[in-house]
């Protein structure tokens, strides 16, 4: 059950928040990051807090369940847990606070799909290999674009959503792969 919930919860919470953002007056989902909903009063702030906390908790549960498999997935569990905790902190602290994202510790999530692939070993399906490699590469490209200042301000929200969909959907593929292999 702890692995299986990762098929739906992390990506589901983010998709719900993305859809909700389109209905918020005064918020531009193309140019504004999702975290900026947290700066708005009332329901938008509560929605972003809930979605971040739910997805973060689901990722932590997935990560802990990997550890229950033994030391085989130790590095995947570590980087995935850091990402989950980072998401939890996104739900607890508003954007602008250094605790929002816990000082950027979620950056380790870029490694999670590749570490999973390595720790899964040769029995990884070809699809899991492609999904993991592309997810990590897209995450690195997005981070580079942000750090280099190449993310056009008018499209920051759109580029964030394009980058986060594979990052959260990866958990769906990982859970399916583990289920396929009967972990």
Protein backbone atom coordinates (compact mmCIF):
# COMPACT_ATOMS: atom_id res chain seq x y z
CA UNK A 1 0.00 0.00 0.00
CA UNK A 2 2.85 2.44 0.82
CA UNK A 3 4.39 1.86 -2.60
CA UNK A 4 1.06 1.76 -4.42
CA UNK A 5 -0.11 5.16 -3.11
CA UNK A 6 2.87 6.70 -4.93
CA UNK A 7 1.20 5.82 -8.23
CA UNK A 8 -1.50 8.41 -7.58
CA UNK A 9 -0.91 10.75 -4.67
CA UNK A 10 2.22 12.81 -5.55
CA UNK A 11 1.17 13.53 -9.13
CA UNK A 12 -2.51 13.78 -8.20
CA UNK A 13 -1.89 16.48 -5.60
CA UNK A 14 0.18 18.50 -8.06
CA UNK A 15 -2.33 18.10 -10.90
CA UNK A 16 -5.14 19.21 -8.59
CA UNK A 17 -3.15 22.29 -7.59
CA UNK A 18 -2.30 23.12 -11.21
CA UNK A 19 -5.97 22.85 -12.18
CA UNK A 20 -7.08 24.88 -9.16
CA UNK A 21 -4.61 27.66 -10.00
CA UNK A 22 -6.42 28.36 -13.27
CA UNK A 23 -9.54 29.31 -11.29
CA UNK A 24 -7.87 31.80 -8.92
CA UNK A 25 -8.65 35.43 -9.75
CA UNK A 26 -5.59 37.67 -9.81
CA UNK A 27 -3.20 34.77 -10.28
CA UNK A 28 -1.48 34.08 -13.61
CA UNK A 29 -0.57 30.37 -13.89
CA UNK A 30 1.64 31.04 -16.91
CA UNK A 31 3.91 33.62 -15.29
CA UNK A 32 3.66 32.77 -11.58
CA UNK A 33 5.09 29.82 -9.68
CA UNK A 34 2.68 27.61 -7.76
CA UNK A 35 4.23 28.72 -4.47
CA UNK A 36 3.02 32.24 -5.14
CA UNK A 37 -0.50 31.00 -4.42
CA UNK A 38 0.67 30.74 -0.83
CA UNK A 39 1.05 34.52 -0.70
CA UNK A 40 -2.63 35.01 -1.47
CA UNK A 41 -5.24 35.08 1.28
CA UNK A 42 -7.66 32.30 2.09
CA UNK A 43 -8.31 29.29 -0.11
CA UNK A 44 -5.37 29.73 -2.56
CA UNK A 45 -2.88 29.72 0.31
CA UNK A 46 -4.56 26.71 1.93
CA UNK A 47 -4.67 24.85 -1.40
CA UNK A 48 -0.95 25.22 -2.05
CA UNK A 49 -0.15 24.26 1.54
CA UNK A 50 -2.32 21.15 1.33
CA UNK A 51 -1.07 20.02 -2.07
CA UNK A 52 2.59 20.45 -1.11
CA UNK A 53 2.12 18.70 2.23
CA UNK A 54 0.13 15.82 0.72
CA UNK A 55 2.60 15.20 -2.10
CA UNK A 56 5.55 15.56 0.28
CA UNK A 57 4.08 13.12 2.79
CA UNK A 58 3.30 10.62 0.02
CA UNK A 59 6.90 10.84 -1.22
CA UNK A 60 8.26 10.31 2.30
CA UNK A 61 5.97 7.28 2.77
CA UNK A 62 7.22 5.87 -0.56
CA UNK A 63 10.82 6.49 0.50
CA UNK A 64 10.42 4.83 3.88
CA UNK A 65 8.78 1.84 2.22
CA UNK A 66 11.83 1.54 -0.02
CA UNK A 67 13.96 1.23 3.10
CA UNK A 68 11.69 -1.58 4.27
CA UNK A 69 13.02 -3.52 1.26
CA UNK A 70 16.48 -3.50 2.87
CA UNK A 71 19.56 -1.50 1.96
CA UNK A 72 19.11 -2.07 -1.75
CA UNK A 73 17.37 1.29 -2.30
CA UNK A 74 19.18 3.26 0.42
CA UNK A 75 20.41 6.11 -1.81
CA UNK A 76 17.12 6.39 -3.66
CA UNK A 77 15.30 6.52 -0.33
CA UNK A 78 17.68 9.20 0.96
CA UNK A 79 17.31 11.58 -1.99
CA UNK A 80 13.60 10.89 -2.29
CA UNK A 81 13.11 11.57 1.43
CA UNK A 82 14.95 14.87 1.08
CA UNK A 83 12.62 15.82 -1.75
CA UNK A 84 9.55 14.78 0.27
CA UNK A 85 10.70 16.78 3.29
CA UNK A 86 11.36 19.73 1.02
CA UNK A 87 7.81 19.50 -0.31
CA UNK A 88 6.44 19.22 3.22
CA UNK A 89 8.29 22.41 4.12
CA UNK A 90 6.81 24.08 1.03
CA UNK A 91 3.43 23.42 2.60
CA UNK A 92 4.47 24.76 5.99
CA UNK A 93 6.41 27.88 4.98
CA UNK A 94 5.52 30.48 2.36
CA UNK A 95 7.71 31.39 -0.55
CA UNK A 96 10.38 33.89 0.42
CA UNK A 97 11.24 32.06 3.64
CA UNK A 98 14.49 30.06 3.52
CA UNK A 99 12.50 27.25 5.14
CA UNK A 100 10.27 27.09 2.05
CA UNK A 101 11.93 24.12 0.39
CA UNK A 102 14.38 23.80 3.31
CA UNK A 103 17.15 25.84 1.75
CA UNK A 104 16.84 24.06 -1.58
CA UNK A 105 17.44 20.52 -0.26
CA UNK A 106 14.93 19.29 -2.84
CA UNK A 107 17.63 19.71 -5.48
CA UNK A 108 18.72 16.18 -4.61
CA UNK A 109 15.55 14.95 -6.29
CA UNK A 110 17.40 15.22 -9.59
CA UNK A 111 19.42 12.18 -8.52
CA UNK A 112 16.49 10.06 -7.34
CA UNK A 113 15.44 8.57 -10.71
CA UNK A 114 19.04 7.73 -11.66
CA UNK A 115 19.85 6.23 -8.27
CA UNK A 116 16.67 4.16 -8.45
CA UNK A 117 17.72 2.86 -11.85
CA UNK A 118 21.18 1.92 -10.57
CA UNK A 119 19.84 0.32 -7.39
CA UNK A 120 17.12 -1.55 -9.28
CA UNK A 121 19.83 -3.07 -11.40
CA UNK A 122 19.59 -5.07 -14.61
CA UNK A 123 16.00 -6.14 -14.05
CA UNK A 124 14.80 -2.57 -14.65
CA UNK A 125 12.44 -2.47 -17.60
CA UNK A 126 13.55 -0.53 -20.68
CA UNK A 127 10.66 1.88 -20.09
CA UNK A 128 11.79 2.55 -16.51
CA UNK A 129 15.29 3.21 -17.81
CA UNK A 130 14.07 5.78 -20.34
CA UNK A 131 11.66 7.45 -17.91
CA UNK A 132 14.32 7.72 -15.18
CA UNK A 133 17.01 9.09 -17.47
CA UNK A 134 14.71 11.65 -19.09
CA UNK A 135 13.23 12.73 -15.77
CA UNK A 136 16.67 13.47 -14.33
CA UNK A 137 17.84 15.22 -17.48
CA UNK A 138 14.75 17.43 -17.68
CA UNK A 139 15.12 18.33 -14.00
CA UNK A 140 18.77 19.31 -14.54
CA UNK A 141 17.86 21.41 -17.56
CA UNK A 142 15.13 23.20 -15.61
CA UNK A 143 17.44 23.89 -12.67
CA UNK A 144 20.16 25.16 -15.00
CA UNK A 145 17.69 27.45 -16.80
CA UNK A 146 16.56 28.87 -13.45
CA UNK A 147 20.05 29.33 -11.99
CA UNK A 148 21.38 30.86 -15.21
CA UNK A 149 18.46 33.30 -15.33
CA UNK A 150 17.27 32.00 -18.70
CA UNK A 151 13.72 31.32 -17.53
CA UNK A 152 11.67 34.13 -19.12
CA UNK A 153 9.67 35.90 -16.38
CA UNK A 154 6.49 35.84 -18.48
CA UNK A 155 6.65 32.02 -18.60
CA UNK A 156 8.13 31.07 -15.18
CA UNK A 157 4.91 29.37 -14.09
CA UNK A 158 4.59 27.42 -17.31
CA UNK A 159 8.19 26.22 -17.23
CA UNK A 160 7.78 25.21 -13.58
CA UNK A 161 4.72 23.13 -14.42
CA UNK A 162 6.46 21.51 -17.40
CA UNK A 163 9.37 20.56 -15.11
CA UNK A 164 7.33 19.36 -12.16
CA UNK A 165 5.03 17.03 -14.08
CA UNK A 166 7.77 14.52 -14.97
CA UNK A 167 9.33 14.88 -11.52
CA UNK A 168 6.10 13.88 -9.77
CA UNK A 169 4.95 11.44 -12.46
CA UNK A 170 8.24 9.57 -12.02
CA UNK A 171 6.89 8.26 -8.71
CA UNK A 172 3.99 6.71 -10.62
CA UNK A 173 6.40 4.86 -12.90
CA UNK A 174 8.64 3.80 -10.00
CA UNK A 175 5.69 2.40 -8.05
CA UNK A 176 4.45 0.52 -11.12
CA UNK A 177 7.95 -0.88 -11.70
CA UNK A 178 8.23 -2.05 -8.10
CA UNK A 179 4.79 -3.59 -8.26
CA UNK A 180 5.69 -5.31 -11.53
CA UNK A 181 8.72 -6.77 -9.84
CA UNK A 182 6.67 -7.63 -6.73
CA UNK A 183 8.68 -5.68 -4.17
